[in-house]
Amino acid sequence: MSDIVVPLTFTDAAAKKVKSLIEGEENPNLRLRVYITGGGCSGFQYGFTFDDEINDGDLTIENLSVGLVVDPMSLQYLIGGTVDYVEGLEGSRFVVNNPNASSTCGCGSSFSI
C-alpha cells in the first residue's frame, strides 16, 4: 500500500476551530482558505478567509470533516508547512509554520523566501 503525501499539514487544533466557526455560520459548505499575498514587513503575508467555492487547481485537505483550501500559486510557497491554531498570550489565531520562509516578522503573519 502506498502512502499519500500531503504537501501541507492541517492540524487537529486548526480543524476543530474551523469546525466550531463553521457551525456558527450555518453554512456546511464553508472551508478555511489560506493564501499568500504580497506585502507585509517581510515581503509576503499569509491570509485566511472562509470560502464555499473550490476553484480549478485548488488543493483541498480534509481533517475532522472540515476542509482547508489552497490555490496553486499560494501552495508553492507553503509546501511542507503546517496550518495550526494557537492560543497564547498574543491571543488566539491561525498560524502557518512554513519551512520555506527564510525569515519572518515578529508577529508571524509575514515572511520572505
PDB file of N, CA and C in Angstrom:
ATOM      1  N   MET A   1       0.849  -1.177   0.000  1.00  0.00           N
ATOM      2  CA  MET A   1       0.000   0.000   0.000  1.00  0.00           C
ATOM      3  C   MET A   1       0.895   1.240   0.000  1.00  0.00           C
ATOM      4  N   SER A   2       0.596   2.207  -0.865  1.00  0.00           N
ATOM      5  CA  SER A   2       1.419   3.413  -0.934  1.00  0.00           C
ATOM      6  C   SER A   2       0.855   4.494  -0.026  1.00  0.00           C
ATOM      7  N   ASP A   3       1.761   5.270   0.544  1.00  0.00           N
ATOM      8  CA  ASP A   3       1.358   6.389   1.391  1.00  0.00           C
ATOM      9  C   ASP A   3       1.050   7.595   0.510  1.00  0.00           C
ATOM     10  N   ILE A   4       0.003   8.320   0.858  1.00  0.00           N
ATOM     11  CA  ILE A   4      -0.333   9.544   0.153  1.00  0.00           C
ATOM     12  C   ILE A   4       0.419  10.684   0.828  1.00  0.00           C
ATOM     13  N   VAL A   5       1.165  11.430   0.038  1.00  0.00           N
ATOM     14  CA  VAL A   5       1.926  12.548   0.573  1.00  0.00           C
ATOM     15  C   VAL A   5       1.071  13.811   0.460  1.00  0.00           C
ATOM     16  N   VAL A   6       0.799  14.430   1.583  1.00  0.00           N
ATOM     17  CA  VAL A   6       0.038  15.676   1.608  1.00  0.00           C
ATOM     18  C   VAL A   6       1.049  16.810   1.723  1.00  0.00           C
ATOM     19  N   PRO A   7       1.011  17.776   0.785  1.00  0.00           N
ATOM     20  CA  PRO A   7       2.036  18.821   0.779  1.00  0.00           C
ATOM     21  C   PRO A   7       1.907  19.862   1.885  1.00  0.00           C
ATOM     22  N   LEU A   8       0.805  19.822   2.639  1.00  0.00           N
ATOM     23  CA  LEU A   8       0.548  20.807   3.679  1.00  0.00           C
ATOM     24  C   LEU A   8      -0.220  20.115   4.798  1.00  0.00           C
ATOM     25  N   THR A   9       0.173  20.334   6.047  1.00  0.00           N
ATOM     26  CA  THR A   9      -0.493  19.714   7.182  1.00  0.00           C
ATOM     27  C   THR A   9      -1.536  20.656   7.755  1.00  0.00           C
ATOM     28  N   PHE A  10      -2.716  20.125   8.023  1.00  0.00           N
ATOM     29  CA  PHE A  10      -3.846  20.847   8.610  1.00  0.00           C
ATOM     30  C   PHE A  10      -4.083  20.187   9.964  1.00  0.00           C
ATOM     31  N   THR A  11      -3.634  20.837  11.051  1.00  0.00           N
ATOM     32  CA  THR A  11      -3.646  20.200  12.374  1.00  0.00           C
ATOM     33  C   THR A  11      -5.061  20.004  12.920  1.00  0.00           C
ATOM     34  N   ASP A  12      -5.160  19.100  13.884  1.00  0.00           N
ATOM     35  CA  ASP A  12      -6.444  18.860  14.560  1.00  0.00           C
ATOM     36  C   ASP A  12      -6.929  20.137  15.254  1.00  0.00           C
ATOM     37  N   ALA A  13      -6.014  20.889  15.870  1.00  0.00           N
ATOM     38  CA  ALA A  13      -6.408  22.120  16.567  1.00  0.00           C
ATOM     39  C   ALA A  13      -7.028  23.118  15.589  1.00  0.00           C
ATOM     40  N   ALA A  14      -6.432  23.260  14.407  1.00  0.00           N
ATOM     41  CA  ALA A  14      -6.975  24.175  13.398  1.00  0.00           C
ATOM     42  C   ALA A  14      -8.316  23.664  12.893  1.00  0.00           C
ATOM     43  N   ALA A  15      -8.407  22.363  12.638  1.00  0.00           N
ATOM     44  CA  ALA A  15      -9.652  21.788  12.128  1.00  0.00           C
ATOM     45  C   ALA A  15     -10.787  21.937  13.139  1.00  0.00           C
ATOM     46  N   LYS A  16     -10.493  21.736  14.420  1.00  0.00           N
ATOM     47  CA  LYS A  16     -11.527  21.896  15.457  1.00  0.00           C
ATOM     48  C   LYS A  16     -12.030  23.333  15.506  1.00  0.00           C
ATOM     49  N   LYS A  17     -11.118  24.301  15.391  1.00  0.00           N
ATOM     50  CA  LYS A  17     -11.529  25.702  15.418  1.00  0.00           C
ATOM     51  C   LYS A  17     -12.356  26.046  14.185  1.00  0.00           C
ATOM     52  N   VAL A  18     -11.926  25.572  13.018  1.00  0.00           N
ATOM     53  CA  VAL A  18     -12.676  25.807  11.790  1.00  0.00           C
ATOM     54  C   VAL A  18     -14.078  25.210  11.930  1.00  0.00           C
ATOM     55  N   LYS A  19     -14.144  23.997  12.453  1.00  0.00           N
ATOM     56  CA  LYS A  19     -15.431  23.328  12.618  1.00  0.00           C
ATOM     57  C   LYS A  19     -16.370  24.152  13.507  1.00  0.00           C
ATOM     58  N   SER A  20     -15.859  24.674  14.610  1.00  0.00           N
ATOM     59  CA  SER A  20     -16.711  25.461  15.512  1.00  0.00           C
ATOM     60  C   SER A  20     -17.134  26.782  14.867  1.00  0.00           C
ATOM     61  N   LEU A  21     -16.247  27.406  14.096  1.00  0.00           N
ATOM     62  CA  LEU A  21     -16.598  28.652  13.419  1.00  0.00           C
ATOM     63  C   LEU A  21     -17.629  28.427  12.306  1.00  0.00           C
ATOM     64  N   ILE A  22     -17.483  27.323  11.588  1.00  0.00           N
ATOM     65  CA  ILE A  22     -18.440  26.999  10.525  1.00  0.00           C
ATOM     66  C   ILE A  22     -19.824  26.723  11.108  1.00  0.00           C
ATOM     67  N   GLU A  23     -19.866  26.029  12.234  1.00  0.00           N
ATOM     68  CA  GLU A  23     -21.160  25.759  12.878  1.00  0.00           C
ATOM     69  C   GLU A  23     -21.872  27.057  13.204  1.00  0.00           C
ATOM     70  N   GLY A  24     -21.141  28.081  13.590  1.00  0.00           N
ATOM     71  CA  GLY A  24     -21.730  29.376  13.893  1.00  0.00           C
ATOM     72  C   GLY A  24     -22.252  30.097  12.658  1.00  0.00           C
ATOM     73  N   GLU A  25     -21.684  29.787  11.504  1.00  0.00           N
ATOM     74  CA  GLU A  25     -22.099  30.430  10.248  1.00  0.00           C
ATOM     75  C   GLU A  25     -23.286  29.730   9.599  1.00  0.00           C
ATOM     76  N   GLU A  26     -23.576  28.520  10.036  1.00  0.00           N
ATOM     77  CA  GLU A  26     -24.680  27.720   9.497  1.00  0.00           C
ATOM     78  C   GLU A  26     -24.574  27.504   7.989  1.00  0.00           C
ATOM     79  N   ASN A  27     -23.344  27.357   7.484  1.00  0.00           N
ATOM     80  CA  ASN A  27     -23.100  27.022   6.083  1.00  0.00           C
ATOM     81  C   ASN A  27     -22.098  25.871   6.053  1.00  0.00           C
ATOM     82  N   PRO A  28     -22.582  24.631   5.931  1.00  0.00           N
ATOM     83  CA  PRO A  28     -21.681  23.472   5.987  1.00  0.00           C
ATOM     84  C   PRO A  28     -20.717  23.380   4.808  1.00  0.00           C
ATOM     85  N   ASN A  29     -20.892  24.195   3.774  1.00  0.00           N
ATOM     86  CA  ASN A  29     -20.005  24.165   2.607  1.00  0.00           C
ATOM     87  C   ASN A  29     -18.763  25.030   2.783  1.00  0.00           C
ATOM     88  N   LEU A  30     -18.671  25.768   3.890  1.00  0.00           N
ATOM     89  CA  LEU A  30     -17.507  26.629   4.108  1.00  0.00           C
ATOM     90  C   LEU A  30     -16.255  25.819   4.405  1.00  0.00           C
ATOM     91  N   ARG A  31     -15.136  26.337   3.909  1.00  0.00           N
ATOM     92  CA  ARG A  31     -13.813  25.771   4.185  1.00  0.00           C
ATOM     93  C   ARG A  31     -12.888  26.932   4.527  1.00  0.00           C
ATOM     94  N   LEU A  32     -11.823  26.631   5.240  1.00  0.00           N
ATOM     95  CA  LEU A  32     -10.815  27.652   5.521  1.00  0.00           C
ATOM     96  C   LEU A  32      -9.895  27.738   4.309  1.00  0.00           C
ATOM     97  N   ARG A  33      -9.766  28.925   3.752  1.00  0.00           N
ATOM     98  CA  ARG A  33      -8.847  29.141   2.639  1.00  0.00           C
ATOM     99  C   ARG A  33      -7.626  29.878   3.186  1.00  0.00           C
ATOM    100  N   VAL A  34      -6.448  29.327   2.922  1.00  0.00           N
ATOM    101  CA  VAL A  34      -5.197  30.000   3.276  1.00  0.00           C
ATOM    102  C   VAL A  34      -4.560  30.441   1.971  1.00  0.00           C
ATOM    103  N   TYR A  35      -4.032  31.662   1.956  1.00  0.00           N
ATOM    104  CA  TYR A  35      -3.454  32.193   0.728  1.00  0.00           C
ATOM    105  C   TYR A  35      -2.273  33.098   1.062  1.00  0.00           C
ATOM    106  N   ILE A  36      -1.480  33.368   0.046  1.00  0.00           N
ATOM    107  CA  ILE A  36      -0.301  34.219   0.170  1.00  0.00           C
ATOM    108  C   ILE A  36      -0.527  35.463  -0.678  1.00  0.00           C
ATOM    109  N   THR A  37      -0.222  36.623  -0.121  1.00  0.00           N
ATOM    110  CA  THR A  37      -0.271  37.871  -0.883  1.00  0.00           C
ATOM    111  C   THR A  37       1.050  38.600  -0.706  1.00  0.00           C
ATOM    112  N   GLY A  38       1.325  39.492  -1.618  1.00  0.00           N
ATOM    113  CA  GLY A  38       2.499  40.339  -1.482  1.00  0.00           C
ATOM    114  C   GLY A  38       2.238  41.381  -0.412  1.00  0.00           C
ATOM    115  N   GLY A  39       3.284  41.780   0.284  1.00  0.00           N
ATOM    116  CA  GLY A  39       3.138  42.813   1.299  1.00  0.00           C
ATOM    117  C   GLY A  39       3.647  42.360   2.640  1.00  0.00           C
ATOM    118  N   GLY A  40       3.244  43.049   3.659  1.00  0.00           N
ATOM    119  CA  GLY A  40       3.748  42.747   4.994  1.00  0.00           C
ATOM    120  C   GLY A  40       5.166  43.260   5.147  1.00  0.00           C
ATOM    121  N   CYS A  41       5.683  43.194   6.335  1.00  0.00           N
ATOM    122  CA  CYS A  41       7.009  43.744   6.581  1.00  0.00           C
ATOM    123  C   CYS A  41       8.125  42.850   6.057  1.00  0.00           C
ATOM    124  N   SER A  42       7.809  41.614   5.646  1.00  0.00           N
ATOM    125  CA  SER A  42       8.850  40.716   5.156  1.00  0.00           C
ATOM    126  C   SER A  42       8.697  40.347   3.680  1.00  0.00           C
ATOM    127  N   GLY A  43       7.736  40.912   2.968  1.00  0.00           N
ATOM    128  CA  GLY A  43       7.611  40.658   1.538  1.00  0.00           C
ATOM    129  C   GLY A  43       6.356  39.905   1.136  1.00  0.00           C
ATOM    130  N   PHE A  44       5.992  38.861   1.871  1.00  0.00           N
ATOM    131  CA  PHE A  44       4.774  38.096   1.637  1.00  0.00           C
ATOM    132  C   PHE A  44       4.010  38.031   2.946  1.00  0.00           C
ATOM    133  N   GLN A  45       2.690  37.863   2.853  1.00  0.00           N
ATOM    134  CA  GLN A  45       1.928  37.665   4.084  1.00  0.00           C
ATOM    135  C   GLN A  45       0.872  36.591   3.882  1.00  0.00           C
ATOM    136  N   TYR A  46       0.529  35.942   4.989  1.00  0.00           N
ATOM    137  CA  TYR A  46      -0.485  34.898   4.992  1.00  0.00           C
ATOM    138  C   TYR A  46      -1.859  35.531   5.155  1.00  0.00           C
ATOM    139  N   GLY A  47      -2.827  34.941   4.499  1.00  0.00           N
ATOM    140  CA  GLY A  47      -4.205  35.373   4.662  1.00  0.00           C
ATOM    141  C   GLY A  47      -5.098  34.172   4.911  1.00  0.00           C
ATOM    142  N   PHE A  48      -6.153  34.385   5.663  1.00  0.00           N
ATOM    143  CA  PHE A  48      -7.128  33.338   5.949  1.00  0.00           C
ATOM    144  C   PHE A  48      -8.519  33.902   5.718  1.00  0.00           C
ATOM    145  N   THR A  49      -9.367  33.120   5.098  1.00  0.00           N
ATOM    146  CA  THR A  49     -10.752  33.507   4.909  1.00  0.00           C
ATOM    147  C   THR A  49     -11.601  32.241   4.811  1.00  0.00           C
ATOM    148  N   PHE A  50     -12.895  32.386   4.973  1.00  0.00           N
ATOM    149  CA  PHE A  50     -13.789  31.258   4.754  1.00  0.00           C
ATOM    150  C   PHE A  50     -14.336  31.371   3.345  1.00  0.00           C
ATOM    151  N   ASP A  51     -14.435  30.233   2.665  1.00  0.00           N
ATOM    152  CA  ASP A  51     -14.853  30.208   1.269  1.00  0.00           C
ATOM    153  C   ASP A  51     -15.719  28.977   1.050  1.00  0.00           C
ATOM    154  N   ASP A  52     -16.810  29.138   0.295  1.00  0.00           N
ATOM    155  CA  ASP A  52     -17.624  27.970  -0.041  1.00  0.00           C
ATOM    156  C   ASP A  52     -17.430  27.561  -1.498  1.00  0.00           C
ATOM    157  N   GLU A  53     -16.426  28.141  -2.154  1.00  0.00           N
ATOM    158  CA  GLU A  53     -16.093  27.798  -3.537  1.00  0.00           C
ATOM    159  C   GLU A  53     -14.746  27.083  -3.577  1.00  0.00           C
ATOM    160  N   ILE A  54     -14.650  26.095  -4.451  1.00  0.00           N
ATOM    161  CA  ILE A  54     -13.371  25.458  -4.755  1.00  0.00           C
ATOM    162  C   ILE A  54     -13.103  25.735  -6.226  1.00  0.00           C
ATOM    163  N   ASN A  55     -11.995  26.382  -6.508  1.00  0.00           N
ATOM    164  CA  ASN A  55     -11.640  26.747  -7.877  1.00  0.00           C
ATOM    165  C   ASN A  55     -10.802  25.650  -8.520  1.00  0.00           C
ATOM    166  N   ASP A  56     -10.751  25.644  -9.840  1.00  0.00           N
ATOM    167  CA  ASP A  56      -9.909  24.689 -10.566  1.00  0.00           C
ATOM    168  C   ASP A  56      -8.476  24.811 -10.083  1.00  0.00           C
ATOM    169  N   GLY A  57      -7.867  23.692  -9.788  1.00  0.00           N
ATOM    170  CA  GLY A  57      -6.481  23.675  -9.351  1.00  0.00           C
ATOM    171  C   GLY A  57      -6.279  23.807  -7.857  1.00  0.00           C
ATOM    172  N   ASP A  58      -7.330  24.162  -7.108  1.00  0.00           N
ATOM    173  CA  ASP A  58      -7.203  24.275  -5.650  1.00  0.00           C
ATOM    174  C   ASP A  58      -6.913  22.919  -5.026  1.00  0.00           C
ATOM    175  N   LEU A  59      -6.089  22.932  -4.001  1.00  0.00           N
ATOM    176  CA  LEU A  59      -5.843  21.749  -3.185  1.00  0.00           C
ATOM    177  C   LEU A  59      -6.787  21.811  -1.998  1.00  0.00           C
ATOM    178  N   THR A  60      -7.481  20.701  -1.727  1.00  0.00           N
ATOM    179  CA  THR A  60      -8.341  20.618  -0.550  1.00  0.00           C
ATOM    180  C   THR A  60      -7.811  19.520   0.349  1.00  0.00           C
ATOM    181  N   ILE A  61      -7.643  19.841   1.623  1.00  0.00           N
ATOM    182  CA  ILE A  61      -7.198  18.875   2.634  1.00  0.00           C
ATOM    183  C   ILE A  61      -8.305  18.772   3.664  1.00  0.00           C
ATOM    184  N   GLU A  62      -8.737  17.555   3.947  1.00  0.00           N
ATOM    185  CA  GLU A  62      -9.795  17.339   4.924  1.00  0.00           C
ATOM    186  C   GLU A  62      -9.197  16.844   6.236  1.00  0.00           C
ATOM    187  N   ASN A  63      -9.749  17.340   7.349  1.00  0.00           N
ATOM    188  CA  ASN A  63      -9.388  16.853   8.679  1.00  0.00           C
ATOM    189  C   ASN A  63     -10.600  17.078   9.576  1.00  0.00           C
ATOM    190  N   LEU A  64     -11.012  16.052  10.296  1.00  0.00           N
ATOM    191  CA  LEU A  64     -12.148  16.138  11.212  1.00  0.00           C
ATOM    192  C   LEU A  64     -13.407  16.643  10.499  1.00  0.00           C
ATOM    193  N   SER A  65     -13.592  16.212   9.257  1.00  0.00           N
ATOM    194  CA  SER A  65     -14.770  16.545   8.440  1.00  0.00           C
ATOM    195  C   SER A  65     -14.857  18.014   8.041  1.00  0.00           C
ATOM    196  N   VAL A  66     -13.751  18.745   8.100  1.00  0.00           N
ATOM    197  CA  VAL A  66     -13.728  20.120   7.599  1.00  0.00           C
ATOM    198  C   VAL A  66     -12.569  20.245   6.616  1.00  0.00           C
ATOM    199  N   GLY A  67     -12.663  21.246   5.751  1.00  0.00           N
ATOM    200  CA  GLY A  67     -11.664  21.371   4.703  1.00  0.00           C
ATOM    201  C   GLY A  67     -10.820  22.624   4.787  1.00  0.00           C
ATOM    202  N   LEU A  68      -9.609  22.475   4.299  1.00  0.00           N
ATOM    203  CA  LEU A  68      -8.668  23.566   4.101  1.00  0.00           C
ATOM    204  C   LEU A  68      -8.430  23.643   2.597  1.00  0.00           C
ATOM    205  N   VAL A  69      -8.477  24.852   2.029  1.00  0.00           N
ATOM    206  CA  VAL A  69      -8.317  25.032   0.589  1.00  0.00           C
ATOM    207  C   VAL A  69      -7.149  25.981   0.338  1.00  0.00           C
ATOM    208  N   VAL A  70      -6.316  25.625  -0.656  1.00  0.00           N
ATOM    209  CA  VAL A  70      -5.169  26.459  -1.025  1.00  0.00           C
ATOM    210  C   VAL A  70      -5.113  26.539  -2.548  1.00  0.00           C
ATOM    211  N   ASP A  71      -4.948  27.750  -3.073  1.00  0.00           N
ATOM    212  CA  ASP A  71      -4.811  27.915  -4.514  1.00  0.00           C
ATOM    213  C   ASP A  71      -3.400  27.507  -4.945  1.00  0.00           C
ATOM    214  N   PRO A  72      -3.211  27.130  -6.217  1.00  0.00           N
ATOM    215  CA  PRO A  72      -1.902  26.636  -6.671  1.00  0.00           C
ATOM    216  C   PRO A  72      -0.764  27.638  -6.507  1.00  0.00           C
ATOM    217  N   MET A  73      -1.014  28.922  -6.706  1.00  0.00           N
ATOM    218  CA  MET A  73       0.045  29.925  -6.575  1.00  0.00           C
ATOM    219  C   MET A  73       0.534  30.001  -5.127  1.00  0.00           C
ATOM    220  N   SER A  74      -0.390  29.980  -4.177  1.00  0.00           N
ATOM    221  CA  SER A  74      -0.011  30.036  -2.758  1.00  0.00           C
ATOM    222  C   SER A  74       0.646  28.738  -2.308  1.00  0.00           C
ATOM    223  N   LEU A  75       0.173  27.619  -2.845  1.00  0.00           N
ATOM    224  CA  LEU A  75       0.687  26.315  -2.420  1.00  0.00           C
ATOM    225  C   LEU A  75       2.180  26.193  -2.638  1.00  0.00           C
ATOM    226  N   GLN A  76       2.692  26.774  -3.722  1.00  0.00           N
ATOM    227  CA  GLN A  76       4.125  26.646  -3.987  1.00  0.00           C
ATOM    228  C   GLN A  76       4.984  27.237  -2.866  1.00  0.00           C
ATOM    229  N   TYR A  77       4.442  28.202  -2.128  1.00  0.00           N
ATOM    230  CA  TYR A  77       5.168  28.799  -1.004  1.00  0.00           C
ATOM    231  C   TYR A  77       4.917  28.068   0.311  1.00  0.00           C
ATOM    232  N   LEU A  78       3.924  27.179   0.325  1.00  0.00           N
ATOM    233  CA  LEU A  78       3.506  26.536   1.571  1.00  0.00           C
ATOM    234  C   LEU A  78       3.868  25.058   1.667  1.00  0.00           C
ATOM    235  N   ILE A  79       4.430  24.480   0.618  1.00  0.00           N
ATOM    236  CA  ILE A  79       4.725  23.043   0.610  1.00  0.00           C
ATOM    237  C   ILE A  79       5.607  22.678   1.801  1.00  0.00           C
ATOM    238  N   GLY A  80       5.171  21.657   2.515  1.00  0.00           N
ATOM    239  CA  GLY A  80       5.893  21.187   3.694  1.00  0.00           C
ATOM    240  C   GLY A  80       5.501  21.914   4.965  1.00  0.00           C
ATOM    241  N   GLY A  81       4.614  22.899   4.857  1.00  0.00           N
ATOM    242  CA  GLY A  81       4.217  23.701   6.010  1.00  0.00           C
ATOM    243  C   GLY A  81       3.067  23.097   6.786  1.00  0.00           C
ATOM    244  N   THR A  82       2.694  23.796   7.851  1.00  0.00           N
ATOM    245  CA  THR A  82       1.614  23.361   8.732  1.00  0.00           C
ATOM    246  C   THR A  82       0.710  24.549   9.031  1.00  0.00           C
ATOM    247  N   VAL A  83      -0.597  24.330   8.864  1.00  0.00           N
ATOM    248  CA  VAL A  83      -1.587  25.322   9.274  1.00  0.00           C
ATOM    249  C   VAL A  83      -2.112  24.878  10.623  1.00  0.00           C
ATOM    250  N   ASP A  84      -1.970  25.733  11.629  1.00  0.00           N
ATOM    251  CA  ASP A  84      -2.307  25.383  13.000  1.00  0.00           C
ATOM    252  C   ASP A  84      -3.162  26.496  13.605  1.00  0.00           C
ATOM    253  N   TYR A  85      -3.715  26.216  14.764  1.00  0.00           N
ATOM    254  CA  TYR A  85      -4.450  27.218  15.532  1.00  0.00           C
ATOM    255  C   TYR A  85      -3.839  27.236  16.916  1.00  0.00           C
ATOM    256  N   VAL A  86      -3.433  28.417  17.367  1.00  0.00           N
ATOM    257  CA  VAL A  86      -2.777  28.531  18.671  1.00  0.00           C
ATOM    258  C   VAL A  86      -3.502  29.541  19.543  1.00  0.00           C
ATOM    259  N   GLU A  87      -3.441  29.287  20.830  1.00  0.00           N
ATOM    260  CA  GLU A  87      -3.959  30.217  21.831  1.00  0.00           C
ATOM    261  C   GLU A  87      -2.823  30.508  22.787  1.00  0.00           C
ATOM    262  N   GLY A  88      -2.540  31.791  22.988  1.00  0.00           N
ATOM    263  CA  GLY A  88      -1.435  32.155  23.868  1.00  0.00           C
ATOM    264  C   GLY A  88      -1.588  33.575  24.350  1.00  0.00           C
ATOM    265  N   LEU A  89      -0.510  34.124  24.866  1.00  0.00           N
ATOM    266  CA  LEU A  89      -0.522  35.478  25.396  1.00  0.00           C
ATOM    267  C   LEU A  89      -0.836  36.517  24.324  1.00  0.00           C
ATOM    268  N   GLU A  90      -0.459  36.220  23.068  1.00  0.00           N
ATOM    269  CA  GLU A  90      -0.733  37.152  21.969  1.00  0.00           C
ATOM    270  C   GLU A  90      -2.173  37.051  21.483  1.00  0.00           C
ATOM    271  N   GLY A  91      -2.943  36.147  22.027  1.00  0.00           N
ATOM    272  CA  GLY A  91      -4.314  35.922  21.582  1.00  0.00           C
ATOM    273  C   GLY A  91      -4.417  34.594  20.857  1.00  0.00           C
ATOM    274  N   SER A  92      -5.563  34.344  20.272  1.00  0.00           N
ATOM    275  CA  SER A  92      -5.754  33.111  19.528  1.00  0.00           C
ATOM    276  C   SER A  92      -5.832  33.436  18.042  1.00  0.00           C
ATOM    277  N   ARG A  93      -5.223  32.550  17.223  1.00  0.00           N
ATOM    278  CA  ARG A  93      -5.152  32.824  15.795  1.00  0.00           C
ATOM    279  C   ARG A  93      -4.714  31.587  15.027  1.00  0.00           C
ATOM    280  N   PHE A  94      -5.010  31.608  13.740  1.00  0.00           N
ATOM    281  CA  PHE A  94      -4.466  30.605  12.838  1.00  0.00           C
ATOM    282  C   PHE A  94      -3.051  31.034  12.496  1.00  0.00           C
ATOM    283  N   VAL A  95      -2.133  30.070  12.422  1.00  0.00           N
ATOM    284  CA  VAL A  95      -0.741  30.358  12.080  1.00  0.00           C
ATOM    285  C   VAL A  95      -0.252  29.360  11.048  1.00  0.00           C
ATOM    286  N   VAL A  96       0.757  29.769  10.311  1.00  0.00           N
ATOM    287  CA  VAL A  96       1.417  28.887   9.351  1.00  0.00           C
ATOM    288  C   VAL A  96       2.852  28.700   9.811  1.00  0.00           C
ATOM    289  N   ASN A  97       3.245  27.460   9.991  1.00  0.00           N
ATOM    290  CA  ASN A  97       4.643  27.124  10.254  1.00  0.00           C
ATOM    291  C   ASN A  97       5.218  26.724   8.900  1.00  0.00           C
ATOM    292  N   ASN A  98       6.056  27.578   8.338  1.00  0.00           N
ATOM    293  CA  ASN A  98       6.495  27.430   6.962  1.00  0.00           C
ATOM    294  C   ASN A  98       8.002  27.186   6.884  1.00  0.00           C
ATOM    295  N   PRO A  99       8.411  25.963   6.499  1.00  0.00           N
ATOM    296  CA  PRO A  99       9.842  25.681   6.400  1.00  0.00           C
ATOM    297  C   PRO A  99      10.507  26.389   5.219  1.00  0.00           C
ATOM    298  N   ASN A 100       9.715  26.941   4.302  1.00  0.00           N
ATOM    299  CA  ASN A 100      10.258  27.628   3.133  1.00  0.00           C
ATOM    300  C   ASN A 100      10.623  29.080   3.419  1.00  0.00           C
ATOM    301  N   ALA A 101      10.147  29.608   4.531  1.00  0.00           N
ATOM    302  CA  ALA A 101      10.402  31.005   4.865  1.00  0.00           C
ATOM    303  C   ALA A 101      11.833  31.168   5.378  1.00  0.00           C
ATOM    304  N   SER A 102      12.577  32.065   4.744  1.00  0.00           N
ATOM    305  CA  SER A 102      13.944  32.309   5.211  1.00  0.00           C
ATOM    306  C   SER A 102      13.956  33.269   6.390  1.00  0.00           C
ATOM    307  N   SER A 103      12.918  34.096   6.502  1.00  0.00           N
ATOM    308  CA  SER A 103      12.774  34.964   7.667  1.00  0.00           C
ATOM    309  C   SER A 103      11.302  35.299   7.828  1.00  0.00           C
ATOM    310  N   THR A 104      10.914  35.635   9.055  1.00  0.00           N
ATOM    311  CA  THR A 104       9.539  36.021   9.341  1.00  0.00           C
ATOM    312  C   THR A 104       9.562  37.294  10.177  1.00  0.00           C
ATOM    313  N   CYS A 105       8.421  37.961  10.223  1.00  0.00           N
ATOM    314  CA  CYS A 105       8.342  39.162  11.049  1.00  0.00           C
ATOM    315  C   CYS A 105       8.001  38.743  12.490  1.00  0.00           C
ATOM    316  N   GLY A 106       8.030  39.674  13.385  1.00  0.00           N
ATOM    317  CA  GLY A 106       7.776  39.384  14.786  1.00  0.00           C
ATOM    318  C   GLY A 106       6.375  38.844  15.064  1.00  0.00           C
ATOM    319  N   CYS A 107       5.401  39.291  14.281  1.00  0.00           N
ATOM    320  CA  CYS A 107       4.019  38.842  14.533  1.00  0.00           C
ATOM    321  C   CYS A 107       3.735  37.501  13.858  1.00  0.00           C
ATOM    322  N   GLY A 108       4.615  37.051  12.945  1.00  0.00           N
ATOM    323  CA  GLY A 108       4.435  35.760  12.307  1.00  0.00           C
ATOM    324  C   GLY A 108       3.461  35.765  11.139  1.00  0.00           C
ATOM    325  N   SER A 109       2.943  36.937  10.760  1.00  0.00           N
ATOM    326  CA  SER A 109       1.983  36.962   9.668  1.00  0.00           C
ATOM    327  C   SER A 109       2.623  37.286   8.315  1.00  0.00           C
ATOM    328  N   SER A 110       3.897  37.624   8.285  1.00  0.00           N
ATOM    329  CA  SER A 110       4.564  37.836   7.004  1.00  0.00           C
ATOM    330  C   SER A 110       5.917  37.125   7.014  1.00  0.00           C
ATOM    331  N   PHE A 111       6.423  36.881   5.792  1.00  0.00           N
ATOM    332  CA  PHE A 111       7.658  36.107   5.662  1.00  0.00           C
ATOM    333  C   PHE A 111       8.345  36.469   4.356  1.00  0.00           C
ATOM    334  N   SER A 112       9.582  36.027   4.226  1.00  0.00           N
ATOM    335  CA  SER A 112      10.307  36.159   2.961  1.00  0.00           C
ATOM    336  C   SER A 112      10.889  34.797   2.599  1.00  0.00           C
ATOM    337  N   ILE A 113      11.167  34.636   1.322  1.00  0.00           N
ATOM    338  CA  ILE A 113      11.698  33.365   0.800  1.00  0.00           C
ATOM    339  C   ILE A 113      13.147  33.584   0.416  1.00  0.00           C
TER     340      ILE A 113
END
